[in-house]
Amino acid sequence: MIKKINALKARKNLGQLLEEVFYNGDQFVIERAGKPMAAIVPLRQLEEWQKHRERFFGMIDEVWERNKKVDPDVIEQEVKEAVKAVRKETARRERPGPPRPPG
């Protein structure tokens, strides 16, 4: 559960916040003048985010490397065609079919 707390209260109750994050898995958004400024999350959650981020950027690097010799116009055209195909398929799935006979 994400809880909001102002900076002054967070500063006064930092020890309690840390315990709630560590033991309960709570998350806090720290606000200053009503503006979200920072978050306190369990360390395991931060580590998981970092792992996902590294994996994501690793995949981007792989795609970049595989396609660095391909003309950008070709890539752009292929992306447009893929988007068009996905949209067409999505529209087909969302279109109601003919009514089924009772029985």
N, C-alpha and C. Protein backbone atom coordinates (compact mmCIF):
# COMPACT_ATOMS: atom_id res chain seq x y z
N MET A 1 0.84 -1.17 0.00
CA MET A 1 0.00 0.00 0.00
C MET A 1 0.89 1.24 0.00
N ILE A 2 0.60 2.19 -0.87
CA ILE A 2 1.39 3.42 -0.95
C ILE A 2 0.73 4.47 -0.07
N LYS A 3 1.52 5.01 0.85
CA LYS A 3 1.03 6.05 1.75
C LYS A 3 1.75 7.35 1.43
N LYS A 4 1.04 8.46 1.56
CA LYS A 4 1.65 9.77 1.35
C LYS A 4 1.96 10.38 2.71
N ILE A 5 3.10 11.07 2.77
CA ILE A 5 3.51 11.70 4.02
C ILE A 5 4.28 12.97 3.68
N ASN A 6 4.10 14.01 4.48
CA ASN A 6 4.85 15.24 4.19
C ASN A 6 6.27 15.11 4.73
N ALA A 7 7.14 15.92 4.20
CA ALA A 7 8.57 15.82 4.51
C ALA A 7 8.86 16.02 5.99
N LEU A 8 8.20 16.97 6.63
CA LEU A 8 8.44 17.23 8.05
C LEU A 8 8.08 16.01 8.89
N LYS A 9 6.91 15.43 8.62
CA LYS A 9 6.49 14.24 9.36
C LYS A 9 7.42 13.06 9.08
N ALA A 10 7.87 12.93 7.82
CA ALA A 10 8.80 11.85 7.47
C ALA A 10 10.10 12.01 8.24
N ARG A 11 10.59 13.24 8.32
CA ARG A 11 11.84 13.49 9.03
C ARG A 11 11.69 13.16 10.52
N LYS A 12 10.57 13.53 11.11
CA LYS A 12 10.34 13.28 12.54
C LYS A 12 10.15 11.80 12.84
N ASN A 13 9.63 11.05 11.86
CA ASN A 13 9.28 9.64 12.09
C ASN A 13 10.06 8.68 11.20
N LEU A 14 11.27 9.06 10.82
CA LEU A 14 12.04 8.24 9.87
C LEU A 14 12.23 6.81 10.36
N GLY A 15 12.56 6.63 11.63
CA GLY A 15 12.76 5.28 12.16
C GLY A 15 11.52 4.41 12.01
N GLN A 16 10.37 4.97 12.33
CA GLN A 16 9.11 4.23 12.21
C GLN A 16 8.81 3.92 10.74
N LEU A 17 9.07 4.88 9.85
CA LEU A 17 8.84 4.65 8.42
C LEU A 17 9.71 3.50 7.92
N LEU A 18 10.97 3.52 8.32
CA LEU A 18 11.88 2.46 7.89
C LEU A 18 11.41 1.09 8.36
N GLU A 19 10.92 1.02 9.58
CA GLU A 19 10.42 -0.25 10.10
C GLU A 19 9.18 -0.71 9.32
N GLU A 20 8.28 0.20 9.02
CA GLU A 20 7.07 -0.16 8.27
C GLU A 20 7.43 -0.64 6.86
N VAL A 21 8.42 0.01 6.26
CA VAL A 21 8.86 -0.39 4.92
C VAL A 21 9.52 -1.77 4.98
N PHE A 22 10.42 -1.95 5.94
CA PHE A 22 11.18 -3.18 6.04
C PHE A 22 10.30 -4.37 6.44
N TYR A 23 9.52 -4.20 7.49
CA TYR A 23 8.76 -5.33 8.02
C TYR A 23 7.42 -5.56 7.34
N ASN A 24 6.75 -4.48 6.91
CA ASN A 24 5.41 -4.62 6.33
C ASN A 24 5.39 -4.50 4.81
N GLY A 25 6.49 -4.05 4.23
CA GLY A 25 6.51 -3.84 2.79
C GLY A 25 5.77 -2.59 2.35
N ASP A 26 5.49 -1.69 3.32
CA ASP A 26 4.79 -0.45 2.98
C ASP A 26 5.66 0.42 2.09
N GLN A 27 5.01 1.31 1.37
CA GLN A 27 5.69 2.26 0.50
C GLN A 27 5.19 3.65 0.87
N PHE A 28 6.11 4.61 0.86
CA PHE A 28 5.75 5.98 1.20
C PHE A 28 6.20 6.92 0.09
N VAL A 29 5.32 7.86 -0.25
CA VAL A 29 5.68 8.97 -1.13
C VAL A 29 5.82 10.18 -0.22
N ILE A 30 6.98 10.79 -0.27
CA ILE A 30 7.24 11.96 0.57
C ILE A 30 6.95 13.22 -0.25
N GLU A 31 6.09 14.06 0.31
CA GLU A 31 5.69 15.28 -0.37
C GLU A 31 6.23 16.50 0.35
N ARG A 32 6.49 17.52 -0.44
CA ARG A 32 6.91 18.81 0.12
C ARG A 32 6.03 19.86 -0.54
N ALA A 33 5.32 20.61 0.26
CA ALA A 33 4.37 21.60 -0.23
C ALA A 33 3.35 20.95 -1.17
N GLY A 34 2.96 19.70 -0.85
CA GLY A 34 1.97 19.00 -1.64
C GLY A 34 2.50 18.38 -2.93
N LYS A 35 3.78 18.53 -3.19
CA LYS A 35 4.38 18.00 -4.42
C LYS A 35 5.18 16.73 -4.10
N PRO A 36 4.88 15.61 -4.77
CA PRO A 36 5.66 14.39 -4.53
C PRO A 36 7.13 14.62 -4.88
N MET A 37 8.02 14.28 -3.95
CA MET A 37 9.45 14.55 -4.14
C MET A 37 10.30 13.28 -4.15
N ALA A 38 9.90 12.27 -3.37
CA ALA A 38 10.71 11.06 -3.25
C ALA A 38 9.83 9.93 -2.76
N ALA A 39 10.40 8.73 -2.78
CA ALA A 39 9.66 7.57 -2.29
C ALA A 39 10.58 6.70 -1.44
N ILE A 40 9.99 6.04 -0.48
CA ILE A 40 10.69 5.04 0.32
C ILE A 40 10.01 3.71 0.01
N VAL A 41 10.79 2.77 -0.52
CA VAL A 41 10.26 1.46 -0.89
C VAL A 41 11.17 0.39 -0.30
N PRO A 42 10.65 -0.82 -0.14
CA PRO A 42 11.51 -1.91 0.35
C PRO A 42 12.69 -2.14 -0.59
N LEU A 43 13.83 -2.44 -0.02
CA LEU A 43 15.05 -2.64 -0.80
C LEU A 43 14.87 -3.74 -1.85
N ARG A 44 14.18 -4.81 -1.50
CA ARG A 44 13.99 -5.91 -2.46
C ARG A 44 13.22 -5.43 -3.69
N GLN A 45 12.30 -4.50 -3.48
CA GLN A 45 11.54 -3.95 -4.61
C GLN A 45 12.45 -3.11 -5.50
N LEU A 46 13.30 -2.30 -4.91
CA LEU A 46 14.25 -1.50 -5.69
C LEU A 46 15.18 -2.40 -6.49
N GLU A 47 15.67 -3.45 -5.86
CA GLU A 47 16.57 -4.38 -6.55
C GLU A 47 15.86 -5.05 -7.72
N GLU A 48 14.59 -5.40 -7.54
CA GLU A 48 13.81 -6.02 -8.62
C GLU A 48 13.63 -5.04 -9.78
N TRP A 49 13.33 -3.78 -9.47
CA TRP A 49 13.20 -2.75 -10.51
C TRP A 49 14.51 -2.61 -11.28
N GLN A 50 15.63 -2.60 -10.56
CA GLN A 50 16.93 -2.46 -11.21
C GLN A 50 17.21 -3.63 -12.15
N LYS A 51 16.84 -4.83 -11.70
CA LYS A 51 17.03 -6.02 -12.55
C LYS A 51 16.21 -5.90 -13.84
N HIS A 52 14.95 -5.50 -13.71
CA HIS A 52 14.08 -5.34 -14.88
C HIS A 52 14.63 -4.26 -15.81
N ARG A 53 15.11 -3.19 -15.23
CA ARG A 53 15.67 -2.09 -16.03
C ARG A 53 16.88 -2.55 -16.82
N GLU A 54 17.79 -3.28 -16.16
CA GLU A 54 18.98 -3.79 -16.83
C GLU A 54 18.60 -4.75 -17.97
N ARG A 55 17.62 -5.61 -17.70
CA ARG A 55 17.17 -6.55 -18.73
C ARG A 55 16.56 -5.81 -19.91
N PHE A 56 15.74 -4.80 -19.61
CA PHE A 56 15.09 -4.01 -20.66
C PHE A 56 16.12 -3.31 -21.54
N PHE A 57 17.07 -2.63 -20.92
CA PHE A 57 18.07 -1.93 -21.72
C PHE A 57 19.01 -2.89 -22.43
N GLY A 58 19.21 -4.08 -21.86
CA GLY A 58 19.99 -5.10 -22.56
C GLY A 58 19.29 -5.54 -23.84
N MET A 59 17.96 -5.69 -23.77
CA MET A 59 17.20 -6.06 -24.97
C MET A 59 17.28 -4.93 -26.01
N ILE A 60 17.20 -3.70 -25.56
CA ILE A 60 17.30 -2.57 -26.49
C ILE A 60 18.67 -2.58 -27.18
N ASP A 61 19.72 -2.82 -26.41
CA ASP A 61 21.06 -2.88 -27.00
C ASP A 61 21.17 -3.99 -28.04
N GLU A 62 20.57 -5.16 -27.73
CA GLU A 62 20.60 -6.27 -28.68
C GLU A 62 19.89 -5.90 -29.98
N VAL A 63 18.71 -5.30 -29.87
CA VAL A 63 17.95 -4.90 -31.06
C VAL A 63 18.73 -3.86 -31.85
N TRP A 64 19.31 -2.92 -31.14
CA TRP A 64 20.11 -1.86 -31.79
C TRP A 64 21.27 -2.49 -32.57
N GLU A 65 21.96 -3.41 -31.93
CA GLU A 65 23.12 -4.06 -32.55
C GLU A 65 22.71 -4.85 -33.80
N ARG A 66 21.59 -5.60 -33.70
CA ARG A 66 21.13 -6.41 -34.83
C ARG A 66 20.69 -5.55 -36.01
N ASN A 67 20.25 -4.34 -35.73
CA ASN A 67 19.67 -3.51 -36.79
C ASN A 67 20.50 -2.29 -37.17
N LYS A 68 21.73 -2.23 -36.70
CA LYS A 68 22.51 -1.02 -36.96
C LYS A 68 22.86 -0.83 -38.44
N LYS A 69 22.81 -1.91 -39.22
CA LYS A 69 23.12 -1.79 -40.66
C LYS A 69 21.86 -1.65 -41.51
N VAL A 70 20.70 -1.67 -40.87
CA VAL A 70 19.43 -1.58 -41.61
C VAL A 70 19.06 -0.10 -41.78
N ASP A 71 18.61 0.23 -42.97
CA ASP A 71 18.20 1.59 -43.28
C ASP A 71 17.04 1.99 -42.35
N PRO A 72 17.13 3.14 -41.66
CA PRO A 72 16.06 3.58 -40.75
C PRO A 72 14.69 3.67 -41.43
N ASP A 73 14.66 4.01 -42.72
CA ASP A 73 13.38 4.08 -43.43
C ASP A 73 12.73 2.70 -43.54
N VAL A 74 13.55 1.68 -43.70
CA VAL A 74 13.03 0.31 -43.77
C VAL A 74 12.44 -0.09 -42.41
N ILE A 75 13.16 0.24 -41.36
CA ILE A 75 12.67 -0.08 -40.00
C ILE A 75 11.36 0.64 -39.73
N GLU A 76 11.31 1.92 -40.08
CA GLU A 76 10.10 2.70 -39.85
C GLU A 76 8.91 2.11 -40.60
N GLN A 77 9.12 1.70 -41.84
CA GLN A 77 8.05 1.10 -42.63
C GLN A 77 7.58 -0.21 -42.01
N GLU A 78 8.52 -1.03 -41.57
CA GLU A 78 8.15 -2.31 -40.95
C GLU A 78 7.37 -2.09 -39.65
N VAL A 79 7.76 -1.08 -38.89
CA VAL A 79 7.04 -0.78 -37.65
C VAL A 79 5.61 -0.33 -37.98
N LYS A 80 5.46 0.53 -38.97
CA LYS A 80 4.12 0.98 -39.38
C LYS A 80 3.25 -0.20 -39.79
N GLU A 81 3.82 -1.11 -40.56
CA GLU A 81 3.07 -2.28 -41.01
C GLU A 81 2.68 -3.18 -39.83
N ALA A 82 3.59 -3.34 -38.88
CA ALA A 82 3.30 -4.17 -37.71
C ALA A 82 2.19 -3.54 -36.86
N VAL A 83 2.25 -2.24 -36.67
CA VAL A 83 1.21 -1.54 -35.90
C VAL A 83 -0.13 -1.68 -36.60
N LYS A 84 -0.14 -1.51 -37.90
CA LYS A 84 -1.37 -1.63 -38.68
C LYS A 84 -1.96 -3.04 -38.53
N ALA A 85 -1.12 -4.06 -38.61
CA ALA A 85 -1.58 -5.44 -38.49
C ALA A 85 -2.17 -5.71 -37.10
N VAL A 86 -1.51 -5.21 -36.07
CA VAL A 86 -2.00 -5.41 -34.70
C VAL A 86 -3.34 -4.70 -34.52
N ARG A 87 -3.44 -3.48 -35.00
CA ARG A 87 -4.70 -2.74 -34.88
C ARG A 87 -5.84 -3.44 -35.62
N LYS A 88 -5.52 -3.98 -36.78
CA LYS A 88 -6.54 -4.70 -37.57
C LYS A 88 -7.01 -5.94 -36.81
N GLU A 89 -6.07 -6.68 -36.25
CA GLU A 89 -6.41 -7.89 -35.50
C GLU A 89 -7.22 -7.53 -34.25
N THR A 90 -6.83 -6.47 -33.56
CA THR A 90 -7.56 -6.04 -32.36
C THR A 90 -8.99 -5.65 -32.73
N ALA A 91 -9.16 -4.90 -33.81
CA ALA A 91 -10.49 -4.49 -34.25
C ALA A 91 -11.32 -5.71 -34.63
N ARG A 92 -10.69 -6.70 -35.27
CA ARG A 92 -11.41 -7.92 -35.66
C ARG A 92 -11.91 -8.65 -34.42
N ARG A 93 -11.09 -8.73 -33.39
CA ARG A 93 -11.48 -9.43 -32.17
C ARG A 93 -12.59 -8.70 -31.42
N GLU A 94 -12.56 -7.37 -31.49
CA GLU A 94 -13.54 -6.58 -30.75
C GLU A 94 -14.88 -6.49 -31.48
N ARG A 95 -14.89 -6.77 -32.77
CA ARG A 95 -16.11 -6.70 -33.56
C ARG A 95 -17.05 -7.84 -33.15
N PRO A 96 -18.29 -7.51 -32.84
CA PRO A 96 -19.20 -8.60 -32.47
C PRO A 96 -19.52 -9.46 -33.69
N GLY A 97 -19.58 -10.72 -33.48
CA GLY A 97 -19.91 -11.64 -34.56
C GLY A 97 -21.41 -11.74 -34.74
N PRO A 98 -21.86 -12.54 -35.69
CA PRO A 98 -23.30 -12.72 -35.91
C PRO A 98 -23.94 -13.39 -34.69
N PRO A 99 -25.19 -13.09 -34.43
CA PRO A 99 -25.84 -13.72 -33.26
C PRO A 99 -25.91 -15.23 -33.42
N ARG A 100 -25.75 -15.91 -32.32
CA ARG A 100 -25.80 -17.38 -32.35
C ARG A 100 -27.26 -17.82 -32.24
N PRO A 101 -27.60 -18.89 -32.94
CA PRO A 101 -28.99 -19.41 -32.81
C PRO A 101 -29.20 -20.00 -31.42
N PRO A 102 -30.40 -19.89 -30.91
CA PRO A 102 -30.67 -20.46 -29.57
C PRO A 102 -30.53 -21.98 -29.59
N GLY A 103 -30.15 -22.47 -28.45
CA GLY A 103 -30.13 -23.92 -28.39
C GLY A 103 -28.91 -24.46 -27.95
